[in-house]
Each structure stands twice: as structure tokens, then as C-alpha cells.
């Protein structure tokens, strides 16, 4: 299976509010694939189906609803706050470009150590946008998505 993420944001020249929905959807889709796909970083869940089951349950019961809540909150963020947090315009374009570059780079990695380090870069690049988005909402919406992603990153680090 060819796992490609964040390709829908790579050509956005002038990121605006509605592009944040796309970022949230693609981020959650990546997390979903990590948890549910049998061939995407399969070593992540090696010999621990119980942990994977907990991740699947959290994804379904918590991450998906948190994604909807975050997308609703995006509509309520004042325009100046979007700008101050680098979520629109050139600052957002740069963050998206870094995310796309790290995503492309890790897919070319070989060997579990290199793949793990490359994938951590993707998760860290997601943070540059996700942290700003959570702060801009002023409500903490999206915090659960970030925490789930951080838990996955901790697994990537030790596997």
C-alpha cells in the first residue's frame, strides 16, 4: 500500500482558514492509518495487540469526536488570532511546506531506525501547526488529538 499524507496541502499558495480543516482531516487520517493499517509501520504494534486495541478504541471514541470539535472551533477563531499564530498566509505556507517535505523524506527512508526517526520528524512538523491551532482556539479544542499523536510518537521512539 502506498501511504502518502499531506499531499493535498502541498500546493496551497495562500493558506486560509478553510485549509485548516484539510490539515486536521489529513492528520487524523495519518493517525488512523498508523493504528489500523497492517502494513504501515507494522513494527509499531509488534507483539502488543492489546495496546493497539486501546489505540483503536481511543481513535474511535475520542480522536474522531475531538477532530469534529476542532473543526467547529476553527470557524470561531478571530482572523487576527489566525495570523498571530501563523495559521494563514506565508507563515502557514512555510509550516505546510515543512510538513510536506518531512512526509516525503520519511517515505524514502530504509531500515527501522531511519524510518522511525523520519516519521518522528513528520509528527514534530505536525506539531508546528497543531500547537498553533490549539492555542488559537483558546478552548483547548484539538488537545486530545495532539496528546494521542504524542503517545504514538513515544511508541515510535522506543520501537
Foldseek 3Di string as FASTA:
>chain_A
DDDAALPVVLPDQWFDLVVVLVLLVRLLVVLCCVLPPCPDPVVLCPPPVVVSVVLVCCSVPPVVVLSVVLNVLSVVQDPVLCVVLQNTGPSVNVLSNQLNVLRVVLVPDDDLVSNLVSVLSNLVSSCSNQVSSCVRSVPNRSVSVNVSSVVSNVSSVVD
